[in-house]
C-alpha atoms as a PDB file:
ATOM      1  CA  MET A   1      44.488  50.962  21.059  1.00  0.00           C
ATOM      2  CA  THR A   2      44.009  47.480  19.656  1.00  0.00           C
ATOM      3  CA  SER A   3      42.162  48.878  16.631  1.00  0.00           C
ATOM      4  CA  PHE A   4      44.966  51.368  16.020  1.00  0.00           C
ATOM      5  CA  LEU A   5      47.634  48.654  16.112  1.00  0.00           C
ATOM      6  CA  ARG A   6      45.530  46.571  13.745  1.00  0.00           C
ATOM      7  CA  SER A   7      45.346  49.518  11.348  1.00  0.00           C
ATOM      8  CA  LEU A   8      49.146  49.802  11.320  1.00  0.00           C
ATOM      9  CA  ARG A   9      49.357  46.352   9.814  1.00  0.00           C
ATOM     10  CA  ALA A  10      46.369  46.604   7.481  1.00  0.00           C
ATOM     11  CA  GLU A  11      46.810  50.150   6.147  1.00  0.00           C
ATOM     12  CA  ARG A  12      50.493  51.010   6.560  1.00  0.00           C
ATOM     13  CA  ASN A  13      51.957  47.526   6.158  1.00  0.00           C
ATOM     14  CA  CYS A  14      54.107  48.029   9.265  1.00  0.00           C
ATOM     15  CA  SER A  15      56.375  45.188  10.289  1.00  0.00           C
ATOM     16  CA  PRO A  16      55.605  43.091  13.390  1.00  0.00           C
ATOM     17  CA  HIS A  17      58.672  44.665  15.018  1.00  0.00           C
ATOM     18  CA  THR A  18      57.304  48.187  14.473  1.00  0.00           C
ATOM     19  CA  ILE A  19      53.855  47.228  15.753  1.00  0.00           C
ATOM     20  CA  ALA A  20      55.379  45.650  18.864  1.00  0.00           C
ATOM     21  CA  ALA A  21      57.412  48.816  19.491  1.00  0.00           C
ATOM     22  CA  TYR A  22      54.311  51.040  19.147  1.00  0.00           C
ATOM     23  CA  SER A  23      52.357  48.751  21.474  1.00  0.00           C
ATOM     24  CA  LYS A  24      55.086  48.885  24.107  1.00  0.00           C
ATOM     25  CA  ASP A  25      55.449  52.673  23.878  1.00  0.00           C
ATOM     26  CA  LEU A  26      51.713  53.319  24.167  1.00  0.00           C
ATOM     27  CA  ALA A  27      51.325  50.868  27.049  1.00  0.00           C
ATOM     28  CA  LYS A  28      54.054  52.717  28.948  1.00  0.00           C
ATOM     29  CA  PHE A  29      52.289  56.037  28.365  1.00  0.00           C
ATOM     30  CA  SER A  30      48.965  54.594  29.557  1.00  0.00           C
ATOM     31  CA  GLU A  31      50.634  53.370  32.718  1.00  0.00           C
ATOM     32  CA  PHE A  32      52.162  56.811  33.291  1.00  0.00           C
ATOM     33  CA  ALA A  33      48.863  58.642  32.667  1.00  0.00           C
ATOM     34  CA  GLY A  34      46.951  56.369  35.040  1.00  0.00           C
ATOM     35  CA  PRO A  35      43.619  54.529  34.768  1.00  0.00           C
ATOM     36  CA  ASN A  36      41.432  57.618  35.190  1.00  0.00           C
ATOM     37  CA  ILE A  37      42.724  59.440  32.088  1.00  0.00           C
ATOM     38  CA  GLY A  38      41.340  58.459  28.700  1.00  0.00           C
ATOM     39  CA  TRP A  39      42.891  59.227  25.333  1.00  0.00           C
ATOM     40  CA  LYS A  40      40.504  62.196  24.903  1.00  0.00           C
ATOM     41  CA  ASP A  41      41.699  63.707  28.185  1.00  0.00           C
ATOM     42  CA  VAL A  42      45.377  63.820  27.241  1.00  0.00           C
ATOM     43  CA  ASP A  43      46.889  67.233  26.518  1.00  0.00           C
ATOM     44  CA  HIS A  44      50.351  68.366  25.463  1.00  0.00           C
ATOM     45  CA  PHE A  45      51.305  69.195  29.055  1.00  0.00           C
ATOM     46  CA  LEU A  46      50.838  65.563  30.072  1.00  0.00           C
ATOM     47  CA  ILE A  47      52.855  64.388  27.086  1.00  0.00           C
ATOM     48  CA  ARG A  48      55.695  66.764  27.970  1.00  0.00           C
ATOM     49  CA  SER A  49      55.640  65.452  31.539  1.00  0.00           C
ATOM     50  CA  TYR A  50      55.832  61.926  30.192  1.00  0.00           C
ATOM     51  CA  LEU A  51      58.867  62.724  28.037  1.00  0.00           C
ATOM     52  CA  ALA A  52      60.561  64.320  31.053  1.00  0.00           C
ATOM     53  CA  HIS A  53      59.795  61.138  32.979  1.00  0.00           C
ATOM     54  CA  LEU A  54      61.474  59.067  30.268  1.00  0.00           C
ATOM     55  CA  TYR A  55      64.587  61.247  30.427  1.00  0.00           C
ATOM     56  CA  GLU A  56      64.680  60.791  34.205  1.00  0.00           C
ATOM     57  CA  GLN A  57      64.621  57.035  33.668  1.00  0.00           C
ATOM     58  CA  GLY A  58      67.746  57.350  31.554  1.00  0.00           C
ATOM     59  CA  LEU A  59      66.230  56.830  28.102  1.00  0.00           C
ATOM     60  CA  SER A  60      68.195  58.162  25.156  1.00  0.00           C
ATOM     61  CA  LYS A  61      66.944  60.914  22.859  1.00  0.00           C
ATOM     62  CA  PRO A  62      66.173  58.453  20.018  1.00  0.00           C
ATOM     63  CA  SER A  63      64.059  56.346  22.397  1.00  0.00           C
ATOM     64  CA  VAL A  64      62.176  59.406  23.651  1.00  0.00           C
ATOM     65  CA  ALA A  65      61.649  60.586  20.069  1.00  0.00           C
ATOM     66  CA  ARG A  66      60.198  57.181  19.163  1.00  0.00           C
ATOM     67  CA  ALA A  67      57.806  57.353  22.132  1.00  0.00           C
ATOM     68  CA  LEU A  68      56.581  60.753  20.925  1.00  0.00           C
ATOM     69  CA  ALA A  69      56.246  59.457  17.356  1.00  0.00           C
ATOM     70  CA  SER A  70      54.061  56.596  18.622  1.00  0.00           C
ATOM     71  CA  LEU A  71      51.723  59.076  20.323  1.00  0.00           C
ATOM     72  CA  ARG A  72      51.583  61.300  17.247  1.00  0.00           C
ATOM     73  CA  SER A  73      50.647  58.341  15.060  1.00  0.00           C
ATOM     74  CA  LEU A  74      47.962  57.225  17.501  1.00  0.00           C
ATOM     75  CA  TYR A  75      46.362  60.656  17.709  1.00  0.00           C
ATOM     76  CA  LYS A  76      46.491  61.125  13.969  1.00  0.00           C
ATOM     77  CA  TRP A  77      44.489  57.913  13.676  1.00  0.00           C
ATOM     78  CA  LEU A  78      42.104  58.911  16.506  1.00  0.00           C
ATOM     79  CA  ALA A  79      41.423  62.231  14.754  1.00  0.00           C
ATOM     80  CA  ARG A  80      40.736  60.450  11.482  1.00  0.00           C
ATOM     81  CA  GLU A  81      38.314  58.142  13.298  1.00  0.00           C
ATOM     82  CA  GLY A  82      36.544  61.135  14.863  1.00  0.00           C
ATOM     83  CA  VAL A  83      37.486  60.205  18.425  1.00  0.00           C
ATOM     84  CA  VAL A  84      39.454  63.421  19.068  1.00  0.00           C
ATOM     85  CA  HIS A  85      39.473  66.830  17.399  1.00  0.00           C
ATOM     86  CA  GLN A  86      43.182  67.636  17.647  1.00  0.00           C
ATOM     87  CA  ASN A  87      46.545  65.962  18.047  1.00  0.00           C
ATOM     88  CA  PRO A  88      48.136  67.111  21.351  1.00  0.00           C
ATOM     89  CA  ALA A  89      51.381  65.333  20.483  1.00  0.00           C
ATOM     90  CA  LYS A  90      51.921  67.738  17.558  1.00  0.00           C
ATOM     91  CA  LEU A  91      52.324  70.569  20.067  1.00  0.00           C
ATOM     92  CA  VAL A  92      55.329  68.838  21.628  1.00  0.00           C
ATOM     93  CA  SER A  93      58.720  69.363  19.994  1.00  0.00           C
ATOM     94  CA  THR A  94      60.692  66.327  18.894  1.00  0.00           C
ATOM     95  CA  PRO A  95      63.994  65.914  20.765  1.00  0.00           C
ATOM     96  CA  LYS A  96      66.897  67.090  18.624  1.00  0.00           C
ATOM     97  CA  LEU A  97      68.882  64.043  17.611  1.00  0.00           C
ATOM     98  CA  PRO A  98      72.596  64.042  16.802  1.00  0.00           C
ATOM     99  CA  LYS A  99      73.172  63.709  13.079  1.00  0.00           C
ATOM    100  CA  LYS A 100      75.273  60.607  12.716  1.00  0.00           C
ATOM    101  CA  LEU A 101      76.418  59.303   9.389  1.00  0.00           C
ATOM    102  CA  PRO A 102      76.175  55.529   9.222  1.00  0.00           C
ATOM    103  CA  ARG A 103      79.423  53.635   9.116  1.00  0.00           C
ATOM    104  CA  VAL A 104      79.420  52.024   5.700  1.00  0.00           C
ATOM    105  CA  PRO A 105      81.741  49.331   4.314  1.00  0.00           C
ATOM    106  CA  THR A 106      83.840  50.466   1.363  1.00  0.00           C
ATOM    107  CA  ILE A 107      83.312  49.218  -2.173  1.00  0.00           C
ATOM    108  CA  GLU A 108      86.402  47.084  -1.704  1.00  0.00           C
ATOM    109  CA  ASP A 109      84.959  45.620   1.512  1.00  0.00           C
ATOM    110  CA  MET A 110      81.731  44.679  -0.227  1.00  0.00           C
ATOM    111  CA  ASN A 111      83.458  43.212  -3.274  1.00  0.00           C
ATOM    112  CA  GLY A 112      85.640  41.167  -0.964  1.00  0.00           C
ATOM    113  CA  LEU A 113      82.605  39.888   0.920  1.00  0.00           C
ATOM    114  CA  LEU A 114      80.574  38.982  -2.159  1.00  0.00           C
ATOM    115  CA  ASP A 115      83.532  37.414  -3.984  1.00  0.00           C
ATOM    116  CA  SER A 116      84.532  35.256  -1.015  1.00  0.00           C
ATOM    117  CA  ASP A 117      83.621  31.642  -0.274  1.00  0.00           C
ATOM    118  CA  ILE A 118      80.989  31.668   2.490  1.00  0.00           C
ATOM    119  CA  SER A 119      80.395  27.908   2.509  1.00  0.00           C
ATOM    120  CA  THR A 120      82.558  27.479   5.617  1.00  0.00           C
ATOM    121  CA  VAL A 121      80.753  30.107   7.686  1.00  0.00           C
ATOM    122  CA  THR A 122      77.070  29.334   7.038  1.00  0.00           C
ATOM    123  CA  SER A 123      74.886  26.250   6.911  1.00  0.00           C
ATOM    124  CA  PHE A 124      72.963  27.405   3.825  1.00  0.00           C
ATOM    125  CA  PRO A 125      75.510  29.177   1.586  1.00  0.00           C
ATOM    126  CA  ALA A 126      73.338  29.213  -1.584  1.00  0.00           C
ATOM    127  CA  ARG A 127      70.488  31.040   0.152  1.00  0.00           C
ATOM    128  CA  ASP A 128      72.705  33.307   2.225  1.00  0.00           C
ATOM    129  CA  ARG A 129      74.620  34.467  -0.845  1.00  0.00           C
ATOM    130  CA  VAL A 130      71.261  35.522  -2.329  1.00  0.00           C
ATOM    131  CA  ILE A 131      70.571  37.498   0.850  1.00  0.00           C
ATOM    132  CA  LEU A 132      73.842  39.408   0.522  1.00  0.00           C
ATOM    133  CA  GLU A 133      73.420  39.959  -3.211  1.00  0.00           C
ATOM    134  CA  LEU A 134      69.906  41.385  -2.891  1.00  0.00           C
ATOM    135  CA  LEU A 135      70.508  43.545   0.181  1.00  0.00           C
ATOM    136  CA  TYR A 136      73.568  45.156  -1.372  1.00  0.00           C
ATOM    137  CA  GLY A 137      72.833  44.728  -5.080  1.00  0.00           C
ATOM    138  CA  CYS A 138      69.266  46.057  -4.883  1.00  0.00           C
ATOM    139  CA  GLY A 139      69.367  48.198  -1.741  1.00  0.00           C
ATOM    140  CA  ILE A 140      66.153  46.707  -0.390  1.00  0.00           C
ATOM    141  CA  ARG A 141      65.048  46.701   3.225  1.00  0.00           C
ATOM    142  CA  ASN A 142      65.201  43.560   5.352  1.00  0.00           C
ATOM    143  CA  SER A 143      61.393  43.463   5.565  1.00  0.00           C
ATOM    144  CA  GLU A 144      61.129  43.842   1.782  1.00  0.00           C
ATOM    145  CA  LEU A 145      63.596  40.999   1.294  1.00  0.00           C
ATOM    146  CA  VAL A 146      61.736  38.442   3.407  1.00  0.00           C
ATOM    147  CA  GLY A 147      58.430  39.539   1.834  1.00  0.00           C
ATOM    148  CA  ILE A 148      59.497  38.541  -1.681  1.00  0.00           C
ATOM    149  CA  ASP A 149      57.474  35.712  -3.223  1.00  0.00           C
ATOM    150  CA  LEU A 150      58.617  33.611  -6.165  1.00  0.00           C
ATOM    151  CA  GLU A 151      56.143  35.346  -8.456  1.00  0.00           C
ATOM    152  CA  HIS A 152      57.735  38.713  -7.674  1.00  0.00           C
ATOM    153  CA  ILE A 153      60.873  37.790  -9.593  1.00  0.00           C
ATOM    154  CA  ARG A 154      60.258  38.966 -13.162  1.00  0.00           C
ATOM    155  CA  TRP A 155      62.936  37.146 -15.098  1.00  0.00           C
ATOM    156  CA  SER A 156      61.932  38.493 -18.520  1.00  0.00           C
ATOM    157  CA  ASP A 157      62.175  42.095 -17.345  1.00  0.00           C
ATOM    158  CA  GLU A 158      65.217  41.480 -15.097  1.00  0.00           C
ATOM    159  CA  VAL A 159      63.533  43.121 -12.111  1.00  0.00           C
ATOM    160  CA  ILE A 160      62.084  42.162  -8.732  1.00  0.00           C
ATOM    161  CA  LEU A 161      58.832  43.567  -7.375  1.00  0.00           C
ATOM    162  CA  VAL A 162      59.212  44.631  -3.742  1.00  0.00           C
ATOM    163  CA  ARG A 163      56.605  45.969  -1.355  1.00  0.00           C
ATOM    164  CA  GLY A 164      57.905  48.749   0.836  1.00  0.00           C
ATOM    165  CA  LYS A 165      56.497  50.919   3.598  1.00  0.00           C
ATOM    166  CA  GLY A 166      52.825  51.743   3.326  1.00  0.00           C
ATOM    167  CA  LYS A 167      52.300  48.889   0.845  1.00  0.00           C
ATOM    168  CA  LYS A 168      54.052  50.937  -1.830  1.00  0.00           C
ATOM    169  CA  GLU A 169      55.393  48.779  -4.634  1.00  0.00           C
ATOM    170  CA  ARG A 170      58.454  49.367  -6.764  1.00  0.00           C
ATOM    171  CA  TYR A 171      60.676  47.418  -9.112  1.00  0.00           C
ATOM    172  CA  VAL A 172      64.374  47.010  -8.439  1.00  0.00           C
ATOM    173  CA  PRO A 173      66.890  45.873 -11.076  1.00  0.00           C
ATOM    174  CA  LEU A 174      68.062  42.281 -10.951  1.00  0.00           C
ATOM    175  CA  GLY A 175      71.772  42.256 -11.753  1.00  0.00           C
ATOM    176  CA  ASP A 176      73.643  39.363 -13.320  1.00  0.00           C
ATOM    177  CA  SER A 177      75.401  38.384 -10.095  1.00  0.00           C
ATOM    178  CA  ALA A 178      72.182  38.344  -8.078  1.00  0.00           C
ATOM    179  CA  ALA A 179      70.340  36.480 -10.845  1.00  0.00           C
ATOM    180  CA  GLN A 180      72.947  33.724 -10.894  1.00  0.00           C
ATOM    181  CA  ALA A 181      72.859  33.451  -7.108  1.00  0.00           C
ATOM    182  CA  ILE A 182      69.069  33.067  -7.258  1.00  0.00           C
ATOM    183  CA  ARG A 183      69.303  30.306  -9.872  1.00  0.00           C
ATOM    184  CA  ASP A 184      71.835  28.436  -7.745  1.00  0.00           C
ATOM    185  CA  TYR A 185      69.557  28.711  -4.715  1.00  0.00           C
ATOM    186  CA  LEU A 186      66.208  27.725  -6.248  1.00  0.00           C
ATOM    187  CA  SER A 187      67.056  24.033  -6.670  1.00  0.00           C
ATOM    188  CA  ARG A 188      68.128  23.873  -3.017  1.00  0.00           C
ATOM    189  CA  ARG A 189      64.885  25.593  -2.014  1.00  0.00           C
ATOM    190  CA  ASP A 190      62.872  23.000  -3.939  1.00  0.00           C
ATOM    191  CA  ASP A 191      64.741  20.175  -2.191  1.00  0.00           C
ATOM    192  CA  ILE A 192      63.907  21.629   1.221  1.00  0.00           C
ATOM    193  CA  LEU A 193      60.209  22.001   0.432  1.00  0.00           C
ATOM    194  CA  VAL A 194      60.030  18.412  -0.845  1.00  0.00           C
ATOM    195  CA  ARG A 195      61.852  17.117   2.226  1.00  0.00           C
ATOM    196  CA  SER A 196      59.665  19.129   4.625  1.00  0.00           C
ATOM    197  CA  LYS A 197      56.500  18.244   2.664  1.00  0.00           C
ATOM    198  CA  LYS A 198      55.516  21.887   2.454  1.00  0.00           C
ATOM    199  CA  THR A 199      54.389  24.266  -0.239  1.00  0.00           C
ATOM    200  CA  SER A 200      55.247  27.931   0.035  1.00  0.00           C
ATOM    201  CA  SER A 201      55.069  31.072  -2.051  1.00  0.00           C
ATOM    202  CA  ALA A 202      57.961  32.513  -0.043  1.00  0.00           C
ATOM    203  CA  PHE A 203      61.172  33.045  -1.952  1.00  0.00           C
ATOM    204  CA  LEU A 204      63.527  32.752   1.022  1.00  0.00           C
ATOM    205  CA  VAL A 205      62.896  29.801   3.329  1.00  0.00           C
ATOM    206  CA  ASN A 206      64.651  28.248   6.303  1.00  0.00           C
ATOM    207  CA  HIS A 207      65.692  24.616   6.693  1.00  0.00           C
ATOM    208  CA  ARG A 208      62.128  23.714   7.774  1.00  0.00           C
ATOM    209  CA  GLY A 209      60.582  25.207   4.631  1.00  0.00           C
ATOM    210  CA  SER A 210      59.061  28.227   6.394  1.00  0.00           C
ATOM    211  CA  ARG A 211      59.460  31.833   5.294  1.00  0.00           C
ATOM    212  CA  LEU A 212      62.656  33.387   6.600  1.00  0.00           C
ATOM    213  CA  THR A 213      62.192  36.116   9.228  1.00  0.00           C
ATOM    214  CA  THR A 214      63.885  39.507   9.455  1.00  0.00           C
ATOM    215  CA  ARG A 215      65.509  38.430  12.715  1.00  0.00           C
ATOM    216  CA  SER A 216      67.046  35.395  11.036  1.00  0.00           C
ATOM    217  CA  VAL A 217      68.350  37.548   8.170  1.00  0.00           C
ATOM    218  CA  GLY A 218      69.944  39.874  10.707  1.00  0.00           C
ATOM    219  CA  ARG A 219      71.758  36.998  12.404  1.00  0.00           C
ATOM    220  CA  ILE A 220      72.911  35.575   9.068  1.00  0.00           C
ATOM    221  CA  VAL A 221      74.312  38.876   7.789  1.00  0.00           C
ATOM    222  CA  LYS A 222      76.083  39.674  11.049  1.00  0.00           C
ATOM    223  CA  SER A 223      77.683  36.228  11.404  1.00  0.00           C
ATOM    224  CA  ILE A 224      78.973  36.191   7.821  1.00  0.00           C
ATOM    225  CA  ALA A 225      80.246  39.774   8.045  1.00  0.00           C
ATOM    226  CA  ILE A 226      82.159  39.099  11.259  1.00  0.00           C
ATOM    227  CA  ALA A 227      83.601  35.861   9.877  1.00  0.00           C
ATOM    228  CA  LYS A 228      84.855  37.786   6.843  1.00  0.00           C
ATOM    229  CA  GLY A 229      86.519  40.524   8.858  1.00  0.00           C
ATOM    230  CA  LEU A 230      83.883  43.270   8.699  1.00  0.00           C
ATOM    231  CA  PRO A 231      82.911  45.280  11.817  1.00  0.00           C
ATOM    232  CA  SER A 232      80.608  43.618  14.341  1.00  0.00           C
ATOM    233  CA  ASP A 233      77.940  46.313  13.901  1.00  0.00           C
ATOM    234  CA  VAL A 234      77.160  45.272  10.319  1.00  0.00           C
ATOM    235  CA  HIS A 235      73.477  44.407   9.832  1.00  0.00           C
ATOM    236  CA  PRO A 236      71.090  44.204   6.845  1.00  0.00           C
ATOM    237  CA  HIS A 237      70.451  47.951   6.830  1.00  0.00           C
ATOM    238  CA  THR A 238      74.207  48.532   6.614  1.00  0.00           C
ATOM    239  CA  LEU A 239      74.170  46.919   3.177  1.00  0.00           C
ATOM    240  CA  ARG A 240      71.303  49.190   2.138  1.00  0.00           C
ATOM    241  CA  HIS A 241      73.342  52.188   3.286  1.00  0.00           C
ATOM    242  CA  ALA A 242      76.294  50.860   1.308  1.00  0.00           C
ATOM    243  CA  PHE A 243      74.138  50.478  -1.811  1.00  0.00           C
ATOM    244  CA  GLY A 244      73.074  54.133  -1.773  1.00  0.00           C
ATOM    245  CA  THR A 245      76.465  55.479  -0.735  1.00  0.00           C
ATOM    246  CA  HIS A 246      78.395  53.567  -3.371  1.00  0.00           C
ATOM    247  CA  LEU A 247      75.984  54.610  -6.132  1.00  0.00           C
ATOM    248  CA  LEU A 248      76.538  58.213  -5.112  1.00  0.00           C
ATOM    249  CA  GLU A 249      80.308  57.762  -5.027  1.00  0.00           C
ATOM    250  CA  GLU A 250      80.229  56.417  -8.557  1.00  0.00           C
ATOM    251  CA  GLY A 251      78.262  59.418  -9.840  1.00  0.00           C
ATOM    252  CA  ALA A 252      74.635  58.249  -9.772  1.00  0.00           C
ATOM    253  CA  ASP A 253      71.945  60.927  -9.706  1.00  0.00           C
ATOM    254  CA  LEU A 254      70.445  61.470  -6.250  1.00  0.00           C
ATOM    255  CA  ARG A 255      66.876  61.236  -7.546  1.00  0.00           C
ATOM    256  CA  ALA A 256      67.631  57.924  -9.222  1.00  0.00           C
ATOM    257  CA  ILE A 257      68.984  56.651  -5.897  1.00  0.00           C
ATOM    258  CA  GLN A 258      65.799  57.923  -4.238  1.00  0.00           C
ATOM    259  CA  ASP A 259      63.677  55.837  -6.612  1.00  0.00           C
ATOM    260  CA  LEU A 260      65.818  52.737  -6.162  1.00  0.00           C
ATOM    261  CA  LEU A 261      65.684  52.984  -2.367  1.00  0.00           C
ATOM    262  CA  GLY A 262      61.959  53.703  -2.351  1.00  0.00           C
ATOM    263  CA  HIS A 263      62.245  56.948  -0.371  1.00  0.00           C
ATOM    264  CA  GLU A 264      59.208  59.209  -0.422  1.00  0.00           C
ATOM    265  CA  ARG A 265      61.282  62.358   0.177  1.00  0.00           C
ATOM    266  CA  LEU A 266      64.571  63.342  -1.400  1.00  0.00           C
ATOM    267  CA  SER A 267      65.706  64.738   1.963  1.00  0.00           C
ATOM    268  CA  THR A 268      65.646  61.189   3.330  1.00  0.00           C
ATOM    269  CA  THR A 269      67.993  60.057   0.583  1.00  0.00           C
ATOM    270  CA  GLN A 270      70.300  62.995   1.277  1.00  0.00           C
ATOM    271  CA  ARG A 271      70.598  61.950   4.917  1.00  0.00           C
ATOM    272  CA  TYR A 272      70.859  58.316   3.961  1.00  0.00           C
ATOM    273  CA  THR A 273      73.868  58.543   1.716  1.00  0.00           C
ATOM    274  CA  GLN A 274      77.368  59.700   2.531  1.00  0.00           C
ATOM    275  CA  LEU A 275      79.043  62.329   0.396  1.00  0.00           C
ATOM    276  CA  SER A 276      82.502  60.861   0.189  1.00  0.00           C
ATOM    277  CA  VAL A 277      85.642  62.856  -0.401  1.00  0.00           C
ATOM    278  CA  LYS A 278      86.057  60.981  -3.653  1.00  0.00           C
ATOM    279  CA  HIS A 279      82.659  62.116  -4.939  1.00  0.00           C
ATOM    280  CA  VAL A 280      83.091  65.719  -3.793  1.00  0.00           C
ATOM    281  CA  MET A 281      86.502  66.017  -5.431  1.00  0.00           C
ATOM    282  CA  GLN A 282      85.222  64.454  -8.640  1.00  0.00           C
ATOM    283  CA  VAL A 283      82.367  66.960  -8.846  1.00  0.00           C
ATOM    284  CA  TYR A 284      84.831  69.789  -8.209  1.00  0.00           C
ATOM    285  CA  ASP A 285      87.279  68.546 -10.863  1.00  0.00           C
ATOM    286  CA  ASP A 286      84.508  68.107 -13.444  1.00  0.00           C
ATOM    287  CA  THR A 287      82.634  71.344 -12.914  1.00  0.00           C
ATOM    288  CA  HIS A 288      84.640  74.143 -11.300  1.00  0.00           C
ATOM    289  CA  PRO A 289      86.461  76.467 -13.719  1.00  0.00           C
ATOM    290  CA  LYS A 290      89.423  76.825 -11.371  1.00  0.00           C
ATOM    291  CA  ALA A 291      89.876  73.077 -10.996  1.00  0.00           C
ATOM    292  CA  LYS A 292      91.701  72.774 -14.332  1.00  0.00           C
END
């Protein structure tokens, strides 16, 4: 299992959080299966029994689905390595999950947040404004944000290179507002590195000069959002949702949004964005012959 977890990082560029979740899920399954059953001895009946056991323990459908996904990924890797000949987890149906649309701040909410003075609610306002600008202005993931190095900012082309899931790279546009926020932050970043006597390629750093973590970004976004009157469940991914949803509301093409978000499948983008009443009515007014 150790080799599999190592491959998640090396080949799929999974985050430490994802790797830790996979490790925990697989350890639980091993404990359930017992010491006398090896990975080659597992069949789909045992996996179904394990999922039933998780339900009995009170786990939610999303948690059970994640446990099954961990096993599917493991056996896909084991088959590729020649350890097993088939993936027993593929014979087990994924629990049907309720389709919930994410609660997304309105355009007015986001404009109010980005136009407000955050200096009274954070200890590093220059950096934290950059965080908000890039999460919402570029629609990037939290892990992509903290992975940005200085060299990834291509000023001449007005883009930022980000590395997404599976080490896939893409360029995202660097808007004027985000660009100005970055310029304001860079001098502060330099001061911190000089004071801490460190050198770093990381774009976003903490007060000690170390690369900012996804957990820290989550705390920063939540604390600023709450202080500015947004719901308490706002997190970095909420701003990514808002990016895609607001582009759609303003008439952007779904495939263009797919490219900007770095989604492999268009169906992911369709689930990811909310078709607002405003957008639906606009399409109707513009295209239906009886709308005139």
